[in-house]
């Protein structure tokens, strides 16, 4: 026990400085991740972290979260699934309580009918006072039972309502905190915001690429929204497959994407965007409604390199300006030239 405690203390003393060095937020999940790192429990995880830190100069927030989910958290017990299970159990309990109460109510109705039938015998059969009082006492006892059952249901419903409200709010928070876009499985806008601010916190160069699908509205209008979703998924897959050396792709919103290219100049960022552009223009996507293969899918790119005076907003605006120029010059191109 003493050896285990000493080992735990030593690991914690190593983990905390590493987290500070790599700009890692001090959350319970991150503590668990970096404690596991210094303990070398999963060599594959350590190798991934080492590669990421070497490429980025830090470990981006979304990467910390992804590695925690991949190596530390139980895949069978994600937060969302836990919450859904709790809701299902809760609904089951309410249903059971209501079934029990309805059964009690039906039983009580039968008891009342029988009691009134017994009361009619008072006059018809000239029952004694003791027999009448016995019938009344039985009716009162049955009344108390059904009142207790109804009160229990009322309390259960109040408790359940409060619990459902709490779980719904918690579920909304978990979904809001999700790292990935549901349609494409790329990182989402929230992950991008966190990661770009993390890159700005260290004095290292990087480039930003903004990409937008050409004539996307026309594709949607011609072939339908399901085909539009297929286009977005296909392009996302090309981007994801093309990412290397720490480059990360994000779905920024709608038909727009951004990519962070760590420790790379504008020239290298532009070359990478050009390779993506050529890969995407070769796509042929099948329209399931007509069976037609659509091959006129292209993307325009704008690239900007971080300079000393930049903020996240100014860098994004400059890349957006390059994207606008690419669109204006005919689309399916990378700017600057």
Protein backbone atom coordinates (compact mmCIF):
# COMPACT_ATOMS: atom_id res chain seq x y z
CA UNK A 1 0.00 0.00 0.00
CA UNK A 2 2.87 2.38 0.88
CA UNK A 3 4.66 1.63 -2.40
CA UNK A 4 1.47 2.27 -4.39
CA UNK A 5 0.91 5.56 -2.61
CA UNK A 6 4.51 6.65 -3.28
CA UNK A 7 4.14 5.67 -6.94
CA UNK A 8 0.92 7.64 -7.23
CA UNK A 9 2.50 10.70 -5.61
CA UNK A 10 5.56 10.51 -7.87
CA UNK A 11 3.36 10.21 -10.98
CA UNK A 12 1.28 13.19 -9.93
CA UNK A 13 4.41 15.27 -9.32
CA UNK A 14 5.55 14.44 -12.86
CA UNK A 15 2.14 14.88 -14.50
CA UNK A 16 1.30 18.37 -13.25
CA UNK A 17 4.47 20.12 -14.57
CA UNK A 18 4.01 18.35 -17.93
CA UNK A 19 0.43 19.61 -18.13
CA UNK A 20 1.57 23.16 -17.40
CA UNK A 21 4.36 22.92 -19.97
CA UNK A 22 1.97 21.70 -22.68
CA UNK A 23 -0.80 24.23 -21.93
CA UNK A 24 -3.17 21.52 -20.68
CA UNK A 25 -6.19 22.64 -18.64
CA UNK A 26 -6.35 21.22 -15.10
CA UNK A 27 -9.53 19.17 -15.44
CA UNK A 28 -10.12 15.72 -13.88
CA UNK A 29 -10.08 14.06 -17.32
CA UNK A 30 -6.77 15.73 -18.22
CA UNK A 31 -5.25 14.75 -14.86
CA UNK A 32 -6.24 11.14 -15.56
CA UNK A 33 -4.78 11.30 -19.09
CA UNK A 34 -1.42 12.76 -18.07
CA UNK A 35 -1.14 10.61 -14.95
CA UNK A 36 -1.54 7.61 -17.29
CA UNK A 37 1.07 9.14 -19.60
CA UNK A 38 3.78 9.39 -16.92
CA UNK A 39 2.83 5.92 -15.68
CA UNK A 40 3.40 4.64 -19.25
CA UNK A 41 0.32 2.42 -19.00
CA UNK A 42 -0.41 2.65 -22.73
CA UNK A 43 2.79 3.03 -24.81
CA UNK A 44 0.67 3.63 -27.93
CA UNK A 45 -1.00 6.59 -26.23
CA UNK A 46 2.38 7.97 -25.10
CA UNK A 47 3.70 7.76 -28.65
CA UNK A 48 0.66 9.65 -29.96
CA UNK A 49 1.09 12.38 -27.33
CA UNK A 50 4.82 12.68 -28.06
CA UNK A 51 4.14 13.03 -31.80
CA UNK A 52 1.41 15.62 -31.24
CA UNK A 53 3.55 17.72 -28.89
CA UNK A 54 6.47 17.57 -31.32
CA UNK A 55 4.28 18.70 -34.22
CA UNK A 56 2.25 21.38 -32.41
CA UNK A 57 4.51 22.54 -29.60
CA UNK A 58 1.65 21.68 -27.20
CA UNK A 59 -1.23 19.24 -26.84
CA UNK A 60 -4.43 20.93 -28.16
CA UNK A 61 -7.56 20.72 -25.94
CA UNK A 62 -9.56 18.64 -28.42
CA UNK A 63 -6.68 16.16 -28.68
CA UNK A 64 -6.57 15.77 -24.89
CA UNK A 65 -10.30 15.04 -24.89
CA UNK A 66 -10.06 12.57 -27.76
CA UNK A 67 -7.16 10.66 -26.18
CA UNK A 68 -8.98 10.53 -22.86
CA UNK A 69 -12.04 9.02 -24.55
CA UNK A 70 -9.90 6.61 -26.57
CA UNK A 71 -7.61 5.28 -23.84
CA UNK A 72 -9.02 6.20 -20.41
CA UNK A 73 -12.81 6.41 -20.49
CA UNK A 74 -14.86 3.25 -20.84
CA UNK A 75 -16.28 3.13 -24.35
CA UNK A 76 -19.32 1.27 -23.05
CA UNK A 77 -20.14 4.03 -20.61
CA UNK A 78 -19.98 7.40 -22.33
CA UNK A 79 -21.72 10.29 -20.66
CA UNK A 80 -24.51 10.47 -23.22
CA UNK A 81 -25.28 6.77 -22.99
CA UNK A 82 -25.32 6.95 -19.20
CA UNK A 83 -27.77 9.81 -19.30
CA UNK A 84 -30.02 8.07 -21.81
CA UNK A 85 -29.99 4.94 -19.68
CA UNK A 86 -30.91 6.95 -16.60
CA UNK A 87 -33.81 8.50 -18.46
CA UNK A 88 -35.02 5.11 -19.65
CA UNK A 89 -34.88 3.70 -16.12
CA UNK A 90 -36.70 6.74 -14.81
CA UNK A 91 -39.47 6.43 -17.37
CA UNK A 92 -39.76 2.75 -16.52
CA UNK A 93 -40.14 3.52 -12.84
CA UNK A 94 -42.84 6.11 -13.53
CA UNK A 95 -44.68 3.69 -15.81
CA UNK A 96 -44.50 1.01 -13.14
CA UNK A 97 -45.76 3.39 -10.45
CA UNK A 98 -48.66 4.52 -12.62
CA UNK A 99 -49.56 0.92 -13.48
CA UNK A 100 -49.54 0.02 -9.79
CA UNK A 101 -51.68 3.03 -8.95
CA UNK A 102 -54.16 2.33 -11.74
CA UNK A 103 -54.41 -1.25 -10.49
CA UNK A 104 -55.03 0.04 -6.96
CA UNK A 105 -57.65 2.47 -8.29
CA UNK A 106 -59.45 -0.28 -10.19
CA UNK A 107 -59.37 -2.46 -7.08
CA UNK A 108 -60.64 0.40 -4.94
CA UNK A 109 -63.50 1.02 -7.39
CA UNK A 110 -64.52 -2.61 -7.00
CA UNK A 111 -64.26 -2.30 -3.22
CA UNK A 112 -66.47 0.80 -3.24
CA UNK A 113 -69.09 -0.99 -5.35
CA UNK A 114 -69.01 -3.89 -2.91
CA UNK A 115 -69.21 -1.52 0.10
CA UNK A 116 -72.23 0.30 -1.33
CA UNK A 117 -73.81 -3.06 -2.04
CA UNK A 118 -73.18 -3.99 1.59
CA UNK A 119 -74.64 -0.65 2.73
CA UNK A 120 -77.81 -1.34 0.75
CA UNK A 121 -78.17 -4.50 2.80
CA UNK A 122 -78.42 -2.33 5.93
CA UNK A 123 -81.90 -1.26 5.02
CA UNK A 124 -82.88 -4.35 3.07
CA UNK A 125 -81.71 -6.97 5.56
CA UNK A 126 -81.94 -4.93 8.76
CA UNK A 127 -78.25 -5.38 9.69
CA UNK A 128 -77.16 -4.77 13.22
CA UNK A 129 -75.19 -1.67 14.29
CA UNK A 130 -72.03 -3.76 14.68
CA UNK A 131 -72.37 -5.10 11.14
CA UNK A 132 -72.93 -1.58 9.75
CA UNK A 133 -69.87 -0.22 11.61
CA UNK A 134 -67.79 -3.11 10.27
CA UNK A 135 -68.75 -2.16 6.67
CA UNK A 136 -67.91 1.52 7.31
CA UNK A 137 -64.57 0.67 8.92
CA UNK A 138 -63.67 -1.45 5.88
CA UNK A 139 -64.58 1.41 3.54
CA UNK A 140 -62.41 3.86 5.51
CA UNK A 141 -59.46 1.47 5.50
CA UNK A 142 -59.73 1.00 1.74
CA UNK A 143 -59.95 4.80 1.27
CA UNK A 144 -56.71 5.28 3.20
CA UNK A 145 -54.92 2.72 1.04
CA UNK A 146 -55.88 4.37 -2.24
CA UNK A 147 -55.08 7.84 -0.84
CA UNK A 148 -51.63 6.59 0.17
CA UNK A 149 -51.10 5.12 -3.31
CA UNK A 150 -52.21 8.37 -4.99
CA UNK A 151 -49.95 10.47 -2.76
CA UNK A 152 -47.04 8.16 -3.55
CA UNK A 153 -47.63 8.59 -7.29
CA UNK A 154 -47.84 12.38 -6.90
CA UNK A 155 -44.52 12.44 -5.06
CA UNK A 156 -42.96 10.10 -7.61
CA UNK A 157 -44.08 12.33 -10.48
CA UNK A 158 -42.70 15.45 -8.78
CA UNK A 159 -39.37 13.74 -8.16
CA UNK A 160 -39.31 12.36 -11.70
CA UNK A 161 -40.08 15.77 -13.23
CA UNK A 162 -37.19 17.35 -11.35
CA UNK A 163 -34.85 14.51 -12.27
CA UNK A 164 -35.83 14.60 -15.95
CA UNK A 165 -35.21 18.37 -16.05
CA UNK A 166 -31.78 17.88 -14.48
CA UNK A 167 -30.85 15.04 -16.83
CA UNK A 168 -32.08 16.95 -19.91
CA UNK A 169 -29.94 19.94 -18.93
CA UNK A 170 -26.96 17.67 -18.33
CA UNK A 171 -27.51 15.89 -21.64
CA UNK A 172 -27.62 19.24 -23.44
CA UNK A 173 -24.31 20.20 -21.83
CA UNK A 174 -22.69 16.90 -22.82
CA UNK A 175 -23.91 17.24 -26.39
CA UNK A 176 -22.72 20.84 -26.50
CA UNK A 177 -19.30 19.71 -25.28
CA UNK A 178 -19.00 17.02 -27.97
CA UNK A 179 -15.83 17.29 -30.01
CA UNK A 180 -17.02 16.00 -33.34
CA UNK A 181 -19.42 17.05 -36.05
CA UNK A 182 -22.17 14.43 -36.32
CA UNK A 183 -22.40 14.45 -40.13
CA UNK A 184 -18.71 14.27 -41.03
CA UNK A 185 -16.95 12.99 -37.87
CA UNK A 186 -14.47 15.85 -38.29
CA UNK A 187 -13.73 18.05 -35.30
CA UNK A 188 -16.44 20.71 -34.89
CA UNK A 189 -16.43 24.51 -34.57
CA UNK A 190 -16.14 24.40 -30.79
CA UNK A 191 -13.05 22.17 -31.01
CA UNK A 192 -11.52 24.59 -33.53
CA UNK A 193 -12.10 27.60 -31.27
CA UNK A 194 -10.37 25.85 -28.39
CA UNK A 195 -7.45 24.61 -30.48
CA UNK A 196 -6.65 27.85 -32.28
CA UNK A 197 -6.61 29.77 -29.00
CA UNK A 198 -4.27 27.12 -27.58
CA UNK A 199 -1.93 27.59 -30.57
CA UNK A 200 -1.99 31.35 -30.05
CA UNK A 201 -0.89 30.82 -26.44
CA UNK A 202 2.52 29.54 -27.60
CA UNK A 203 5.05 31.40 -29.69
CA UNK A 204 5.09 29.06 -32.67
CA UNK A 205 4.26 29.63 -36.34
CA UNK A 206 1.28 27.99 -37.99
CA UNK A 207 -0.96 28.44 -41.00
CA UNK A 208 -4.72 28.44 -41.31
CA UNK A 209 -6.65 27.12 -44.32
CA UNK A 210 -10.29 28.01 -44.97
CA UNK A 211 -12.17 25.90 -47.55
CA UNK A 212 -15.64 26.24 -49.05
CA UNK A 213 -17.50 23.88 -51.43
CA UNK A 214 -18.11 25.57 -54.78
CA UNK A 215 -21.72 26.08 -55.96
CA UNK A 216 -23.03 24.06 -53.01
CA UNK A 217 -26.47 25.68 -53.08
CA UNK A 218 -26.82 24.74 -56.73
CA UNK A 219 -25.87 21.13 -55.93
CA UNK A 220 -28.51 21.06 -53.19
CA UNK A 221 -31.17 22.58 -55.43
CA UNK A 222 -30.40 20.20 -58.31
CA UNK A 223 -29.89 16.91 -56.49
CA UNK A 224 -31.46 17.44 -53.06
CA UNK A 225 -30.22 17.82 -49.50
CA UNK A 226 -29.37 14.14 -49.03
CA UNK A 227 -26.96 14.40 -51.94
CA UNK A 228 -25.61 17.61 -50.40
CA UNK A 229 -24.89 15.70 -47.19
CA UNK A 230 -23.13 12.99 -49.23
CA UNK A 231 -20.93 15.66 -50.85
CA UNK A 232 -19.98 17.10 -47.46
CA UNK A 233 -19.15 13.63 -46.10
CA UNK A 234 -17.05 12.69 -49.16
CA UNK A 235 -15.03 15.92 -49.05
CA UNK A 236 -14.56 15.57 -45.29
CA UNK A 237 -13.19 12.07 -45.78
CA UNK A 238 -10.69 13.33 -48.40
CA UNK A 239 -9.58 16.06 -46.01
CA UNK A 240 -9.26 13.66 -43.09
CA UNK A 241 -7.25 11.18 -45.17
CA UNK A 242 -4.99 13.97 -46.36
CA UNK A 243 -4.15 15.28 -42.88
CA UNK A 244 -0.65 14.43 -41.67
CA UNK A 245 2.15 15.85 -39.53
CA UNK A 246 -0.26 17.33 -37.00
CA UNK A 247 -2.59 18.99 -39.53
CA UNK A 248 -6.18 18.94 -38.25
CA UNK A 249 -9.44 19.43 -40.18
CA UNK A 250 -12.64 20.92 -38.73
CA UNK A 251 -16.13 21.41 -40.08
CA UNK A 252 -16.64 25.11 -39.49
CA UNK A 253 -20.31 25.15 -40.45
CA UNK A 254 -22.50 24.31 -43.45
CA UNK A 255 -20.25 23.70 -46.45
CA UNK A 256 -17.23 25.46 -44.91
CA UNK A 257 -14.14 23.83 -43.39
CA UNK A 258 -10.97 25.02 -41.69
CA UNK A 259 -7.62 23.31 -41.22
CA UNK A 260 -4.85 24.14 -38.75
CA UNK A 261 -1.34 23.51 -40.09
CA UNK A 262 1.09 23.71 -37.15
CA UNK A 263 4.69 24.93 -37.52
CA UNK A 264 4.30 25.40 -41.27
CA UNK A 265 4.77 28.52 -43.42
CA UNK A 266 2.29 30.02 -45.84
CA UNK A 267 4.09 28.28 -48.72
CA UNK A 268 3.77 24.83 -47.13
CA UNK A 269 0.16 25.52 -46.12
CA UNK A 270 -0.65 26.54 -49.69
CA UNK A 271 1.01 23.42 -51.09
CA UNK A 272 -1.05 21.24 -48.77
CA UNK A 273 -4.28 23.05 -49.74
CA UNK A 274 -3.42 22.55 -53.43
CA UNK A 275 -2.94 18.81 -52.89
CA UNK A 276 -6.37 18.67 -51.22
CA UNK A 277 -7.96 20.67 -54.04
CA UNK A 278 -6.62 18.25 -56.67
CA UNK A 279 -7.75 15.24 -54.64
CA UNK A 280 -11.28 16.62 -54.19
CA UNK A 281 -11.81 17.59 -57.86
CA UNK A 282 -11.31 13.91 -58.75
CA UNK A 283 -14.31 12.90 -56.64
CA UNK A 284 -17.27 11.20 -58.29
CA UNK A 285 -20.34 10.98 -56.05
CA UNK A 286 -23.42 8.94 -56.86
CA UNK A 287 -26.86 10.54 -56.67
CA UNK A 288 -28.96 7.75 -55.16
CA UNK A 289 -32.21 9.12 -56.58
CA UNK A 290 -31.17 9.12 -60.23
CA UNK A 291 -28.19 6.77 -60.11
CA UNK A 292 -26.14 9.49 -61.81
CA UNK A 293 -22.44 9.92 -60.97
CA UNK A 294 -21.72 13.60 -60.23
CA UNK A 295 -18.11 14.61 -60.80
CA UNK A 296 -18.25 18.42 -60.91
CA UNK A 297 -17.59 18.85 -57.16
CA UNK A 298 -14.82 21.34 -56.35
CA UNK A 299 -13.59 23.38 -53.39
CA UNK A 300 -11.95 26.80 -53.11
CA UNK A 301 -9.25 27.52 -50.51
CA UNK A 302 -7.87 30.55 -48.72
CA UNK A 303 -4.61 30.32 -46.77
CA UNK A 304 -3.04 32.66 -44.20
CA UNK A 305 0.02 32.42 -41.97
CA UNK A 306 0.06 33.70 -38.42
CA UNK A 307 2.09 36.86 -37.87
CA UNK A 308 3.15 38.38 -34.59
CA UNK A 309 0.37 40.99 -34.49
CA UNK A 310 -2.39 38.45 -35.28
CA UNK A 311 -5.34 37.41 -33.18
CA UNK A 312 -7.50 34.40 -33.95
CA UNK A 313 -10.07 36.76 -35.48
CA UNK A 314 -7.60 38.67 -37.68
CA UNK A 315 -5.98 35.46 -38.94
CA UNK A 316 -9.37 33.97 -39.80
CA UNK A 317 -10.42 37.19 -41.55
CA UNK A 318 -7.26 37.17 -43.67
CA UNK A 319 -7.80 33.54 -44.70
CA UNK A 320 -11.45 34.38 -45.47
CA UNK A 321 -10.29 37.26 -47.68
CA UNK A 322 -8.09 34.81 -49.63
CA UNK A 323 -11.06 32.43 -49.98
CA UNK A 324 -13.20 35.29 -51.31
CA UNK A 325 -10.50 36.08 -53.88
CA UNK A 326 -10.40 32.42 -54.95
CA UNK A 327 -14.17 32.47 -55.49
CA UNK A 328 -14.01 35.74 -57.40
CA UNK A 329 -11.29 34.44 -59.73
CA UNK A 330 -13.36 31.43 -60.81
CA UNK A 331 -13.39 28.97 -57.89
CA UNK A 332 -11.62 25.60 -57.58
CA UNK A 333 -8.33 27.29 -56.72
CA UNK A 334 -6.07 28.15 -53.80
CA UNK A 335 -5.24 31.73 -52.82
CA UNK A 336 -2.85 33.43 -52.52
CA UNK A 337 -1.17 32.40 -55.74
